[in-house]
C-alpha atoms as a PDB file:
ATOM      1  CA  MET A   1       9.683  13.955 -50.444  1.00  0.00           C
ATOM      2  CA  LEU A   2      12.660  15.965 -49.168  1.00  0.00           C
ATOM      3  CA  LYS A   3      14.980  16.388 -52.061  1.00  0.00           C
ATOM      4  CA  ASP A   4      18.037  16.989 -49.891  1.00  0.00           C
ATOM      5  CA  ARG A   5      17.588  13.206 -48.154  1.00  0.00           C
ATOM      6  CA  LEU A   6      19.813  10.661 -49.215  1.00  0.00           C
ATOM      7  CA  ILE A   7      18.374   7.189 -49.065  1.00  0.00           C
ATOM      8  CA  VAL A   8      21.271   4.562 -47.741  1.00  0.00           C
ATOM      9  CA  VAL A   9      19.980   1.139 -47.843  1.00  0.00           C
ATOM     10  CA  LEU A  10      22.012  -1.354 -45.300  1.00  0.00           C
ATOM     11  CA  THR A  11      22.096  -5.271 -46.113  1.00  0.00           C
ATOM     12  CA  PRO A  12      24.153  -7.987 -44.543  1.00  0.00           C
ATOM     13  CA  VAL A  13      24.787 -10.866 -46.803  1.00  0.00           C
ATOM     14  CA  LYS A  14      26.079 -14.075 -46.809  1.00  0.00           C
ATOM     15  CA  ASN A  15      25.188 -16.782 -49.808  1.00  0.00           C
ATOM     16  CA  GLU A  16      22.258 -14.998 -51.070  1.00  0.00           C
ATOM     17  CA  ALA A  17      23.046 -15.492 -54.552  1.00  0.00           C
ATOM     18  CA  TRP A  18      19.172 -16.793 -54.632  1.00  0.00           C
ATOM     19  CA  ILE A  19      17.711 -13.518 -54.486  1.00  0.00           C
ATOM     20  CA  LEU A  20      20.528 -11.043 -54.196  1.00  0.00           C
ATOM     21  CA  PRO A  21      20.125  -9.849 -58.189  1.00  0.00           C
ATOM     22  CA  LEU A  22      16.566  -9.280 -57.756  1.00  0.00           C
ATOM     23  CA  PHE A  23      16.826  -7.539 -54.341  1.00  0.00           C
ATOM     24  CA  LEU A  24      19.460  -5.186 -56.052  1.00  0.00           C
ATOM     25  CA  LYS A  25      17.769  -4.342 -58.826  1.00  0.00           C
ATOM     26  CA  ALA A  26      14.606  -3.615 -56.992  1.00  0.00           C
ATOM     27  CA  THR A  27      16.300  -1.402 -54.420  1.00  0.00           C
ATOM     28  CA  SER A  28      18.121   0.195 -57.089  1.00  0.00           C
ATOM     29  CA  ALA A  29      15.329   1.923 -58.135  1.00  0.00           C
ATOM     30  CA  TRP A  30      14.781   3.933 -55.243  1.00  0.00           C
ATOM     31  CA  ALA A  31      17.753   4.324 -53.346  1.00  0.00           C
ATOM     32  CA  ASP A  32      20.705   6.350 -53.653  1.00  0.00           C
ATOM     33  CA  TYR A  33      23.293   3.811 -52.017  1.00  0.00           C
ATOM     34  CA  ILE A  34      22.999   0.449 -51.169  1.00  0.00           C
ATOM     35  CA  ILE A  35      25.637  -0.925 -48.604  1.00  0.00           C
ATOM     36  CA  VAL A  36      26.214  -4.316 -48.469  1.00  0.00           C
ATOM     37  CA  SER A  37      28.462  -6.296 -45.896  1.00  0.00           C
ATOM     38  CA  ASP A  38      29.394  -9.717 -47.102  1.00  0.00           C
ATOM     39  CA  GLN A  39      30.221 -12.124 -44.595  1.00  0.00           C
ATOM     40  CA  GLY A  40      32.477 -14.659 -46.533  1.00  0.00           C
ATOM     41  CA  SER A  41      29.917 -15.648 -49.387  1.00  0.00           C
ATOM     42  CA  SER A  42      30.674 -18.685 -51.136  1.00  0.00           C
ATOM     43  CA  ASP A  43      28.112 -18.692 -53.929  1.00  0.00           C
ATOM     44  CA  GLY A  44      29.001 -15.843 -55.916  1.00  0.00           C
ATOM     45  CA  SER A  45      26.925 -12.748 -53.971  1.00  0.00           C
ATOM     46  CA  LYS A  46      30.039 -10.405 -53.640  1.00  0.00           C
ATOM     47  CA  GLU A  47      30.693 -10.188 -57.497  1.00  0.00           C
ATOM     48  CA  ILE A  48      26.803 -10.121 -57.861  1.00  0.00           C
ATOM     49  CA  ALA A  49      27.200  -6.857 -55.604  1.00  0.00           C
ATOM     50  CA  ARG A  50      29.928  -5.506 -57.381  1.00  0.00           C
ATOM     51  CA  SER A  51      27.857  -5.325 -60.520  1.00  0.00           C
ATOM     52  CA  PHE A  52      25.409  -2.917 -59.580  1.00  0.00           C
ATOM     53  CA  PRO A  53      26.647   0.750 -59.670  1.00  0.00           C
ATOM     54  CA  LYS A  54      24.841   2.017 -56.286  1.00  0.00           C
ATOM     55  CA  VAL A  55      26.274  -0.739 -54.208  1.00  0.00           C
ATOM     56  CA  ARG A  56      29.238  -0.019 -51.686  1.00  0.00           C
ATOM     57  CA  LEU A  57      30.782  -3.755 -50.704  1.00  0.00           C
ATOM     58  CA  ILE A  58      31.928  -4.367 -47.239  1.00  0.00           C
ATOM     59  CA  GLU A  59      33.881  -7.724 -47.395  1.00  0.00           C
ATOM     60  CA  ASN A  60      33.516  -8.498 -43.846  1.00  0.00           C
ATOM     61  CA  ASP A  61      35.364 -12.033 -43.713  1.00  0.00           C
ATOM     62  CA  ALA A  62      36.653 -12.060 -40.418  1.00  0.00           C
ATOM     63  CA  LEU A  63      34.021 -13.312 -38.951  1.00  0.00           C
ATOM     64  CA  ASP A  64      34.455 -16.825 -37.545  1.00  0.00           C
ATOM     65  CA  ASP A  65      30.786 -17.675 -36.945  1.00  0.00           C
ATOM     66  CA  PHE A  66      27.582 -15.418 -36.704  1.00  0.00           C
ATOM     67  CA  ASP A  67      27.723 -12.276 -34.489  1.00  0.00           C
ATOM     68  CA  GLU A  68      24.875 -10.373 -36.238  1.00  0.00           C
ATOM     69  CA  TYR A  69      25.813  -7.199 -33.885  1.00  0.00           C
ATOM     70  CA  ARG A  70      29.246  -7.589 -35.766  1.00  0.00           C
ATOM     71  CA  MET A  71      27.318  -7.913 -39.071  1.00  0.00           C
ATOM     72  CA  ARG A  72      25.220  -4.969 -38.747  1.00  0.00           C
ATOM     73  CA  LYS A  73      27.671  -2.403 -36.988  1.00  0.00           C
ATOM     74  CA  PRO A  74      30.061  -1.868 -40.378  1.00  0.00           C
ATOM     75  CA  LEU A  75      26.950  -0.981 -42.372  1.00  0.00           C
ATOM     76  CA  PHE A  76      26.027   2.018 -40.218  1.00  0.00           C
ATOM     77  CA  ASP A  77      29.608   3.119 -40.026  1.00  0.00           C
ATOM     78  CA  ALA A  78      30.090   3.097 -43.879  1.00  0.00           C
ATOM     79  CA  ALA A  79      26.788   4.880 -44.275  1.00  0.00           C
ATOM     80  CA  ARG A  80      28.282   7.587 -41.908  1.00  0.00           C
ATOM     81  CA  GLU A  81      30.957   8.355 -44.129  1.00  0.00           C
ATOM     82  CA  ILE A  82      28.630   9.411 -47.074  1.00  0.00           C
ATOM     83  CA  GLU A  83      28.207  13.038 -46.662  1.00  0.00           C
ATOM     84  CA  GLY A  84      24.443  14.508 -46.189  1.00  0.00           C
ATOM     85  CA  ASN A  85      21.229  13.974 -44.435  1.00  0.00           C
ATOM     86  CA  ARG A  86      20.593  10.354 -44.547  1.00  0.00           C
ATOM     87  CA  VAL A  87      17.512   8.104 -44.253  1.00  0.00           C
ATOM     88  CA  LEU A  88      18.826   4.710 -43.265  1.00  0.00           C
ATOM     89  CA  VAL A  89      16.900   1.656 -44.719  1.00  0.00           C
ATOM     90  CA  SER A  90      17.410  -1.731 -43.128  1.00  0.00           C
ATOM     91  CA  LEU A  91      16.458  -4.456 -45.187  1.00  0.00           C
ATOM     92  CA  ASP A  92      17.701  -7.873 -45.327  1.00  0.00           C
ATOM     93  CA  ALA A  93      18.364  -9.652 -48.714  1.00  0.00           C
ATOM     94  CA  ASP A  94      15.138 -11.111 -48.763  1.00  0.00           C
ATOM     95  CA  GLU A  95      13.115  -8.249 -48.262  1.00  0.00           C
ATOM     96  CA  PHE A  96      11.466  -5.554 -50.472  1.00  0.00           C
ATOM     97  CA  LEU A  97       9.558  -2.223 -49.876  1.00  0.00           C
ATOM     98  CA  SER A  98       5.798  -2.508 -50.135  1.00  0.00           C
ATOM     99  CA  GLU A  99       5.850   1.511 -51.504  1.00  0.00           C
ATOM    100  CA  PHE A 100       8.643   3.534 -52.301  1.00  0.00           C
ATOM    101  CA  GLU A 101       6.684   6.328 -54.102  1.00  0.00           C
ATOM    102  CA  GLY A 102       3.518   7.899 -52.999  1.00  0.00           C
ATOM    103  CA  LYS A 103       2.132   9.564 -49.595  1.00  0.00           C
ATOM    104  CA  ALA A 104       2.839   7.597 -47.324  1.00  0.00           C
ATOM    105  CA  TRP A 105       6.706   7.419 -48.378  1.00  0.00           C
ATOM    106  CA  GLU A 106       6.802  10.962 -48.433  1.00  0.00           C
ATOM    107  CA  LYS A 107       5.463  10.813 -45.190  1.00  0.00           C
ATOM    108  CA  VAL A 108       8.367   8.832 -44.020  1.00  0.00           C
ATOM    109  CA  MET A 109      10.698  10.829 -45.606  1.00  0.00           C
ATOM    110  CA  SER A 110      10.136  13.935 -43.840  1.00  0.00           C
ATOM    111  CA  GLN A 111      10.323  13.025 -40.708  1.00  0.00           C
ATOM    112  CA  PRO A 112      12.575  14.979 -38.205  1.00  0.00           C
ATOM    113  CA  LYS A 113      16.048  13.763 -37.290  1.00  0.00           C
ATOM    114  CA  GLY A 114      16.109  10.812 -34.641  1.00  0.00           C
ATOM    115  CA  THR A 115      12.967   9.495 -35.795  1.00  0.00           C
ATOM    116  CA  LEU A 116      12.397   5.554 -36.305  1.00  0.00           C
ATOM    117  CA  ILE A 117       9.846   4.229 -38.467  1.00  0.00           C
ATOM    118  CA  ARG A 118       8.599   0.653 -37.796  1.00  0.00           C
ATOM    119  CA  LEU A 119       7.222  -1.406 -40.836  1.00  0.00           C
ATOM    120  CA  SER A 120       5.111  -4.608 -40.501  1.00  0.00           C
ATOM    121  CA  CYS A 121       6.396  -7.591 -42.446  1.00  0.00           C
ATOM    122  CA  PHE A 122       4.488  -9.327 -44.781  1.00  0.00           C
ATOM    123  CA  ASN A 123       5.363 -12.703 -45.562  1.00  0.00           C
ATOM    124  CA  VAL A 124       5.258 -14.029 -49.011  1.00  0.00           C
ATOM    125  CA  CYS A 125       3.939 -17.834 -49.400  1.00  0.00           C
ATOM    126  CA  PRO A 126       5.332 -19.905 -51.635  1.00  0.00           C
ATOM    127  CA  ASP A 127       2.781 -19.426 -54.703  1.00  0.00           C
ATOM    128  CA  LEU A 128       4.081 -15.693 -54.640  1.00  0.00           C
ATOM    129  CA  LYS A 129       0.566 -14.704 -54.689  1.00  0.00           C
ATOM    130  CA  ASN A 130      -0.435 -14.513 -51.445  1.00  0.00           C
ATOM    131  CA  GLY A 131       0.956 -13.791 -47.515  1.00  0.00           C
ATOM    132  CA  TRP A 132       0.241 -12.842 -43.915  1.00  0.00           C
ATOM    133  CA  ARG A 133       1.197 -10.001 -41.983  1.00  0.00           C
ATOM    134  CA  ASP A 134       3.750 -10.411 -39.171  1.00  0.00           C
ATOM    135  CA  ASN A 135       5.250  -8.241 -36.351  1.00  0.00           C
ATOM    136  CA  GLU A 136       6.989  -4.823 -36.699  1.00  0.00           C
ATOM    137  CA  ALA A 137      10.651  -3.957 -37.522  1.00  0.00           C
ATOM    138  CA  ASP A 138      12.506  -1.199 -37.584  1.00  0.00           C
ATOM    139  CA  VAL A 139      13.393  -0.872 -40.602  1.00  0.00           C
ATOM    140  CA  VAL A 140      13.670   3.415 -41.025  1.00  0.00           C
ATOM    141  CA  PHE A 141      15.886   5.583 -39.412  1.00  0.00           C
ATOM    142  CA  VAL A 142      16.191   9.258 -40.367  1.00  0.00           C
ATOM    143  CA  ASP A 143      19.896   9.464 -39.158  1.00  0.00           C
ATOM    144  CA  ASP A 144      20.820  11.766 -36.366  1.00  0.00           C
ATOM    145  CA  GLY A 145      24.548  10.234 -35.801  1.00  0.00           C
ATOM    146  CA  ARG A 146      23.814   8.014 -32.574  1.00  0.00           C
ATOM    147  CA  PRO A 147      25.947   5.166 -31.816  1.00  0.00           C
ATOM    148  CA  TYR A 148      24.564   1.616 -32.925  1.00  0.00           C
ATOM    149  CA  GLU A 149      24.163  -0.077 -29.822  1.00  0.00           C
ATOM    150  CA  ASP A 150      25.466  -3.723 -29.271  1.00  0.00           C
ATOM    151  CA  SER A 151      22.198  -5.926 -28.471  1.00  0.00           C
ATOM    152  CA  GLY A 152      23.678  -9.317 -28.744  1.00  0.00           C
ATOM    153  CA  LEU A 153      24.650 -12.084 -30.940  1.00  0.00           C
ATOM    154  CA  VAL A 154      21.398 -12.994 -32.800  1.00  0.00           C
ATOM    155  CA  HIS A 155      18.179 -11.187 -33.532  1.00  0.00           C
ATOM    156  CA  VAL A 156      19.394  -8.028 -32.533  1.00  0.00           C
ATOM    157  CA  THR A 157      17.546  -4.715 -33.588  1.00  0.00           C
ATOM    158  CA  ARG A 158      18.472  -3.845 -36.950  1.00  0.00           C
ATOM    159  CA  SER A 159      18.525  -0.120 -36.565  1.00  0.00           C
ATOM    160  CA  PHE A 160      18.664   2.287 -33.182  1.00  0.00           C
ATOM    161  CA  VAL A 161      16.764   2.865 -30.324  1.00  0.00           C
ATOM    162  CA  SER A 162      15.118   5.931 -30.464  1.00  0.00           C
ATOM    163  CA  GLU A 163      12.484   7.684 -28.061  1.00  0.00           C
ATOM    164  CA  ARG A 164      10.775   9.203 -30.811  1.00  0.00           C
ATOM    165  CA  THR A 165       9.193   5.941 -33.052  1.00  0.00           C
ATOM    166  CA  LEU A 166       6.348   5.884 -35.757  1.00  0.00           C
ATOM    167  CA  SER A 167       4.326   3.526 -37.050  1.00  0.00           C
ATOM    168  CA  GLU A 168       3.491   3.655 -40.738  1.00  0.00           C
ATOM    169  CA  GLU A 169       0.235   1.538 -41.272  1.00  0.00           C
ATOM    170  CA  LYS A 170       0.348   1.998 -45.102  1.00  0.00           C
ATOM    171  CA  LEU A 171       3.670   0.631 -45.708  1.00  0.00           C
ATOM    172  CA  CYS A 172       5.200  -2.768 -44.831  1.00  0.00           C
ATOM    173  CA  PHE A 173       7.943  -5.065 -46.405  1.00  0.00           C
ATOM    174  CA  LEU A 174       7.391  -8.234 -48.482  1.00  0.00           C
ATOM    175  CA  HIS A 175       9.522 -10.782 -46.639  1.00  0.00           C
ATOM    176  CA  PHE A 176      10.519 -13.780 -49.162  1.00  0.00           C
ATOM    177  CA  GLN A 177      12.051 -15.824 -46.681  1.00  0.00           C
ATOM    178  CA  PHE A 178       9.186 -18.353 -46.905  1.00  0.00           C
ATOM    179  CA  VAL A 179       9.282 -18.356 -50.681  1.00  0.00           C
ATOM    180  CA  ASN A 180      12.049 -21.226 -50.919  1.00  0.00           C
ATOM    181  CA  TRP A 181      10.460 -23.407 -47.836  1.00  0.00           C
ATOM    182  CA  LYS A 182      13.419 -26.001 -48.149  1.00  0.00           C
ATOM    183  CA  ARG A 183      15.719 -23.065 -47.403  1.00  0.00           C
ATOM    184  CA  MET A 184      13.720 -21.663 -44.541  1.00  0.00           C
ATOM    185  CA  GLU A 185      13.923 -25.134 -42.863  1.00  0.00           C
ATOM    186  CA  SER A 186      17.821 -25.349 -43.305  1.00  0.00           C
ATOM    187  CA  LYS A 187      18.065 -21.587 -41.779  1.00  0.00           C
ATOM    188  CA  HIS A 188      15.644 -22.676 -38.855  1.00  0.00           C
ATOM    189  CA  ARG A 189      17.864 -25.923 -38.425  1.00  0.00           C
ATOM    190  CA  TRP A 190      20.936 -23.917 -38.161  1.00  0.00           C
ATOM    191  CA  TYR A 191      19.531 -21.244 -35.724  1.00  0.00           C
ATOM    192  CA  GLN A 192      18.323 -23.892 -33.063  1.00  0.00           C
ATOM    193  CA  CYS A 193      21.571 -25.498 -33.239  1.00  0.00           C
ATOM    194  CA  TYR A 194      23.469 -22.077 -32.746  1.00  0.00           C
ATOM    195  CA  GLU A 195      21.276 -20.897 -29.826  1.00  0.00           C
ATOM    196  CA  HIS A 196      21.560 -24.094 -28.250  1.00  0.00           C
ATOM    197  CA  ILE A 197      25.299 -23.746 -28.126  1.00  0.00           C
ATOM    198  CA  ASN A 198      25.556 -20.253 -27.063  1.00  0.00           C
ATOM    199  CA  PHE A 199      22.481 -20.072 -24.922  1.00  0.00           C
ATOM    200  CA  PRO A 200      22.491 -23.497 -23.655  1.00  0.00           C
ATOM    201  CA  GLU A 201      20.182 -22.396 -20.663  1.00  0.00           C
ATOM    202  CA  LYS A 202      17.437 -22.303 -23.059  1.00  0.00           C
ATOM    203  CA  SER A 203      14.885 -25.128 -23.061  1.00  0.00           C
ATOM    204  CA  THR A 204      14.924 -26.908 -26.383  1.00  0.00           C
ATOM    205  CA  ILE A 205      11.102 -27.145 -26.490  1.00  0.00           C
ATOM    206  CA  ASP A 206      11.400 -22.941 -26.479  1.00  0.00           C
ATOM    207  CA  LEU A 207      13.767 -23.470 -29.276  1.00  0.00           C
ATOM    208  CA  PHE A 208      11.580 -25.521 -31.081  1.00  0.00           C
ATOM    209  CA  ARG A 209       8.453 -23.500 -30.564  1.00  0.00           C
ATOM    210  CA  LYS A 210      10.268 -20.602 -31.649  1.00  0.00           C
ATOM    211  CA  TYR A 211      11.567 -21.762 -35.008  1.00  0.00           C
ATOM    212  CA  HIS A 212       8.343 -23.435 -35.968  1.00  0.00           C
ATOM    213  CA  TRP A 213       5.846 -20.547 -35.512  1.00  0.00           C
ATOM    214  CA  MET A 214       4.781 -20.583 -39.254  1.00  0.00           C
ATOM    215  CA  TYR A 215       3.591 -23.820 -38.923  1.00  0.00           C
ATOM    216  CA  SER A 216      -0.184 -23.056 -38.291  1.00  0.00           C
ATOM    217  CA  ASP A 217      -3.652 -23.970 -39.178  1.00  0.00           C
ATOM    218  CA  LYS A 218      -4.753 -20.454 -38.401  1.00  0.00           C
ATOM    219  CA  LEU A 219      -2.311 -18.125 -40.423  1.00  0.00           C
ATOM    220  CA  PRO A 220      -4.689 -15.075 -41.834  1.00  0.00           C
ATOM    221  CA  VAL A 221      -3.524 -15.557 -45.191  1.00  0.00           C
ATOM    222  CA  GLU A 222      -4.509 -13.036 -47.771  1.00  0.00           C
ATOM    223  CA  PRO A 223      -3.877 -11.873 -51.614  1.00  0.00           C
ATOM    224  CA  ILE A 224      -0.791  -9.495 -52.154  1.00  0.00           C
ATOM    225  CA  ASN A 225      -1.744  -6.148 -52.895  1.00  0.00           C
ATOM    226  CA  GLU A 226      -1.364  -5.828 -56.637  1.00  0.00           C
ATOM    227  CA  SER A 227      -0.143  -2.374 -56.216  1.00  0.00           C
ATOM    228  CA  TRP A 228       2.774  -3.614 -54.139  1.00  0.00           C
ATOM    229  CA  LEU A 229       3.837  -5.465 -57.506  1.00  0.00           C
ATOM    230  CA  HIS A 230       2.747  -2.883 -59.932  1.00  0.00           C
ATOM    231  CA  GLN A 231       5.242  -0.207 -58.800  1.00  0.00           C
ATOM    232  CA  TYR A 232       8.050  -2.430 -59.534  1.00  0.00           C
ATOM    233  CA  GLU A 233       6.643  -3.797 -62.512  1.00  0.00           C
ATOM    234  CA  LYS A 234       6.424  -0.050 -63.992  1.00  0.00           C
ATOM    235  CA  LYS A 235      10.258  -0.138 -63.406  1.00  0.00           C
ATOM    236  CA  GLY A 236      10.758  -3.502 -65.384  1.00  0.00           C
ATOM    237  CA  ILE A 237      11.303  -5.556 -62.396  1.00  0.00           C
ATOM    238  CA  ASP A 238       9.303  -8.610 -61.718  1.00  0.00           C
ATOM    239  CA  LEU A 239       9.320  -9.950 -58.214  1.00  0.00           C
ATOM    240  CA  SER A 240       8.547 -13.633 -59.384  1.00  0.00           C
ATOM    241  CA  LYS A 241      11.837 -14.064 -60.592  1.00  0.00           C
ATOM    242  CA  VAL A 242      13.509 -15.959 -57.648  1.00  0.00           C
ATOM    243  CA  PHE A 243      16.098 -18.494 -58.309  1.00  0.00           C
ATOM    244  CA  TYR A 244      15.323 -21.592 -56.465  1.00  0.00           C
ATOM    245  CA  ASP A 245      18.798 -23.264 -55.289  1.00  0.00           C
ATOM    246  CA  ASP A 246      19.570 -26.082 -53.646  1.00  0.00           C
ATOM    247  CA  TYR A 247      22.622 -25.116 -52.158  1.00  0.00           C
ATOM    248  CA  PHE A 248      22.123 -24.388 -48.329  1.00  0.00           C
ATOM    249  CA  TRP A 249      25.447 -23.164 -46.377  1.00  0.00           C
ATOM    250  CA  TRP A 250      23.519 -23.504 -42.899  1.00  0.00           C
ATOM    251  CA  ASP A 251      23.515 -27.259 -43.318  1.00  0.00           C
ATOM    252  CA  GLU A 252      27.541 -27.355 -43.808  1.00  0.00           C
ATOM    253  CA  LYS A 253      27.667 -25.276 -40.842  1.00  0.00           C
ATOM    254  CA  ILE A 254      25.520 -27.685 -38.893  1.00  0.00           C
ATOM    255  CA  LEU A 255      28.057 -30.730 -39.895  1.00  0.00           C
ATOM    256  CA  GLU A 256      30.633 -28.713 -38.176  1.00  0.00           C
ATOM    257  CA  TYR A 257      28.758 -28.479 -34.954  1.00  0.00           C
ATOM    258  CA  LEU A 258      27.907 -32.150 -35.357  1.00  0.00           C
ATOM    259  CA  GLU A 259      31.864 -32.954 -35.723  1.00  0.00           C
ATOM    260  CA  ARG A 260      32.836 -30.497 -32.731  1.00  0.00           C
ATOM    261  CA  PHE A 261      30.055 -31.357 -30.159  1.00  0.00           C
ATOM    262  CA  GLY A 262      28.996 -34.724 -30.966  1.00  0.00           C
ATOM    263  CA  THR A 263      25.160 -35.702 -32.445  1.00  0.00           C
ATOM    264  CA  GLU A 264      24.128 -36.098 -28.880  1.00  0.00           C
ATOM    265  CA  TYR A 265      24.287 -32.683 -27.697  1.00  0.00           C
ATOM    266  CA  PHE A 266      21.585 -31.896 -30.266  1.00  0.00           C
ATOM    267  CA  ALA A 267      19.900 -34.823 -29.948  1.00  0.00           C
ATOM    268  CA  ASN A 268      16.424 -32.892 -28.825  1.00  0.00           C
ATOM    269  CA  LEU A 269      16.702 -30.338 -31.721  1.00  0.00           C
ATOM    270  CA  ASP A 270      14.706 -30.625 -34.541  1.00  0.00           C
ATOM    271  CA  ILE A 271      17.591 -31.189 -37.226  1.00  0.00           C
ATOM    272  CA  TRP A 272      16.919 -34.878 -38.099  1.00  0.00           C
ATOM    273  CA  GLY A 273      15.138 -34.601 -41.292  1.00  0.00           C
ATOM    274  CA  ILE A 274      18.239 -34.773 -43.044  1.00  0.00           C
ATOM    275  CA  ASP A 275      20.257 -38.028 -43.166  1.00  0.00           C
ATOM    276  CA  TRP A 276      23.377 -36.447 -41.668  1.00  0.00           C
ATOM    277  CA  LYS A 277      25.651 -39.403 -41.879  1.00  0.00           C
ATOM    278  CA  LYS A 278      25.058 -39.689 -45.726  1.00  0.00           C
ATOM    279  CA  TYR A 279      25.848 -36.039 -45.685  1.00  0.00           C
ATOM    280  CA  ALA A 280      28.714 -36.182 -43.761  1.00  0.00           C
ATOM    281  CA  LYS A 281      29.555 -39.084 -46.413  1.00  0.00           C
ATOM    282  CA  ARG A 282      29.245 -36.777 -49.290  1.00  0.00           C
ATOM    283  CA  ASN A 283      31.511 -34.228 -47.949  1.00  0.00           C
ATOM    284  CA  ASP A 284      34.351 -36.485 -47.328  1.00  0.00           C
ATOM    285  CA  LYS A 285      33.570 -36.437 -43.112  1.00  0.00           C
ATOM    286  CA  LYS A 286      32.163 -39.051 -40.838  1.00  0.00           C
ATOM    287  CA  ILE A 287      30.131 -38.704 -37.781  1.00  0.00           C
ATOM    288  CA  ARG A 288      28.574 -41.193 -35.334  1.00  0.00           C
ATOM    289  CA  VAL A 289      24.576 -40.149 -34.943  1.00  0.00           C
ATOM    290  CA  LYS A 290      23.331 -41.268 -31.307  1.00  0.00           C
ATOM    291  CA  ARG A 291      19.891 -40.352 -30.301  1.00  0.00           C
ATOM    292  CA  ASN A 292      17.911 -42.229 -27.564  1.00  0.00           C
ATOM    293  CA  ILE A 293      14.146 -42.984 -27.715  1.00  0.00           C
ATOM    294  CA  LYS A 294      13.378 -39.897 -25.276  1.00  0.00           C
ATOM    295  CA  SER A 295      14.874 -37.662 -27.911  1.00  0.00           C
ATOM    296  CA  ARG A 296      12.929 -39.145 -30.519  1.00  0.00           C
ATOM    297  CA  LEU A 297       9.559 -39.254 -28.558  1.00  0.00           C
ATOM    298  CA  LEU A 298      10.153 -35.296 -27.556  1.00  0.00           C
ATOM    299  CA  LEU A 299      10.368 -34.622 -31.382  1.00  0.00           C
ATOM    300  CA  TRP A 300       7.867 -36.939 -32.281  1.00  0.00           C
ATOM    301  CA  TYR A 301       5.588 -35.023 -29.846  1.00  0.00           C
ATOM    302  CA  LEU A 302       6.783 -31.259 -30.933  1.00  0.00           C
ATOM    303  CA  ASP A 303       6.114 -32.139 -34.552  1.00  0.00           C
ATOM    304  CA  ARG A 304       2.598 -33.387 -34.000  1.00  0.00           C
ATOM    305  CA  THR A 305       1.455 -30.502 -31.916  1.00  0.00           C
ATOM    306  CA  LYS A 306       3.115 -27.541 -33.887  1.00  0.00           C
ATOM    307  CA  TYR A 307      -0.009 -26.761 -36.224  1.00  0.00           C
ATOM    308  CA  CYS A 308      -2.528 -26.762 -32.759  1.00  0.00           C
ATOM    309  CA  PHE A 309       0.112 -24.966 -31.014  1.00  0.00           C
ATOM    310  CA  ASN A 310       0.644 -22.368 -33.344  1.00  0.00           C
ATOM    311  CA  SER A 311      -3.307 -21.796 -33.969  1.00  0.00           C
ATOM    312  CA  GLY A 312      -3.124 -20.545 -30.318  1.00  0.00           C
ATOM    313  CA  LYS A 313      -6.874 -21.743 -29.863  1.00  0.00           C
ATOM    314  CA  GLY A 314      -8.868 -24.980 -28.987  1.00  0.00           C
ATOM    315  CA  VAL A 315      -7.980 -28.038 -26.393  1.00  0.00           C
ATOM    316  CA  PHE A 316      -5.112 -29.526 -28.245  1.00  0.00           C
ATOM    317  CA  TYR A 317      -3.400 -26.082 -27.938  1.00  0.00           C
ATOM    318  CA  LYS A 318      -4.127 -26.003 -23.766  1.00  0.00           C
ATOM    319  CA  ILE A 319      -3.035 -29.678 -23.825  1.00  0.00           C
ATOM    320  CA  SER A 320       0.294 -29.112 -25.540  1.00  0.00           C
ATOM    321  CA  ARG A 321       0.925 -25.644 -23.493  1.00  0.00           C
ATOM    322  CA  HIS A 322       0.585 -27.830 -20.004  1.00  0.00           C
ATOM    323  CA  LEU A 323       2.689 -30.774 -21.566  1.00  0.00           C
ATOM    324  CA  ASP A 324       5.407 -28.037 -22.810  1.00  0.00           C
ATOM    325  CA  GLU A 325       5.604 -26.929 -19.173  1.00  0.00           C
ATOM    326  CA  PHE A 326       5.757 -30.137 -17.673  1.00  0.00           C
ATOM    327  CA  LEU A 327       8.551 -31.217 -19.761  1.00  0.00           C
ATOM    328  CA  ARG A 328      10.548 -28.152 -19.077  1.00  0.00           C
ATOM    329  CA  GLU A 329      10.227 -28.027 -15.420  1.00  0.00           C
ATOM    330  CA  LYS A 330      10.191 -31.778 -14.531  1.00  0.00           C
ATOM    331  CA  MET A 331      12.621 -33.397 -17.580  1.00  0.00           C
ATOM    332  CA  HIS A 332      14.560 -30.034 -18.038  1.00  0.00           C
ATOM    333  CA  LEU A 333      13.904 -30.371 -21.985  1.00  0.00           C
END
């Protein structure tokens, strides 16, 4: 490892108290600085961040709704206030590097300025013992000062566009999103609503498929590599110590959407596993749920085909692909 390089972790946060103490403790074991941009958390996330000496907290409370570019840009701006040769590591609060010492990590740290390093994602199962590999993400950037480009509202690049990229096969990051399955479902309900509002041209069928990809009978599940856990254990960090809460701020946001746009606008989205009338009453609000038989049948069909569709094989998969196309083009769903 080049000793003159500073490791700066960049993490956007909103109501992540369920895992933030574990993330900050684990990341503090190898990072020089951790910059946290908090988007108006109400669960104590800001107080947790302040309790870690390596953290620099940005209170980015001005965002009135989700805007991922405006969430991430302050992180890069703050990182560049730190003098020195910086290696920027973009991790969300539910992500942990699989290795932060050893030859693979030293290789990453020794890359020339302007290099973007892509790491594969290892999604950890709820049992905390197994998981499956997913697509690569732009996690590490050897900073050369180039501007962070605006790439949209949601699912933007977490780092920089670079002509010099490296995929390090021996490294990955452990993604704990699926450890708390109910929390993940709440987040994906909200994502569907958010995209339906901001990108109304998108098919509701495509939104369903996009946010139900993890339901598959063909996921290549494998045991977690024990060496990933041991490096943290040597530092006195147990990655299984996750706090399981029942507070999901995304459901509160959906309730706001239902009040504002009406329930009919979201009738074709898979958000109806919650009794929203009861949920609204508990929050001293009132909504009128209106869903027709067409939307109910659509969601019944999508739910029944989510496993075979995401397996990508077999007769039922091919049938569901054709049905999806028909429903999109002929019925405008």
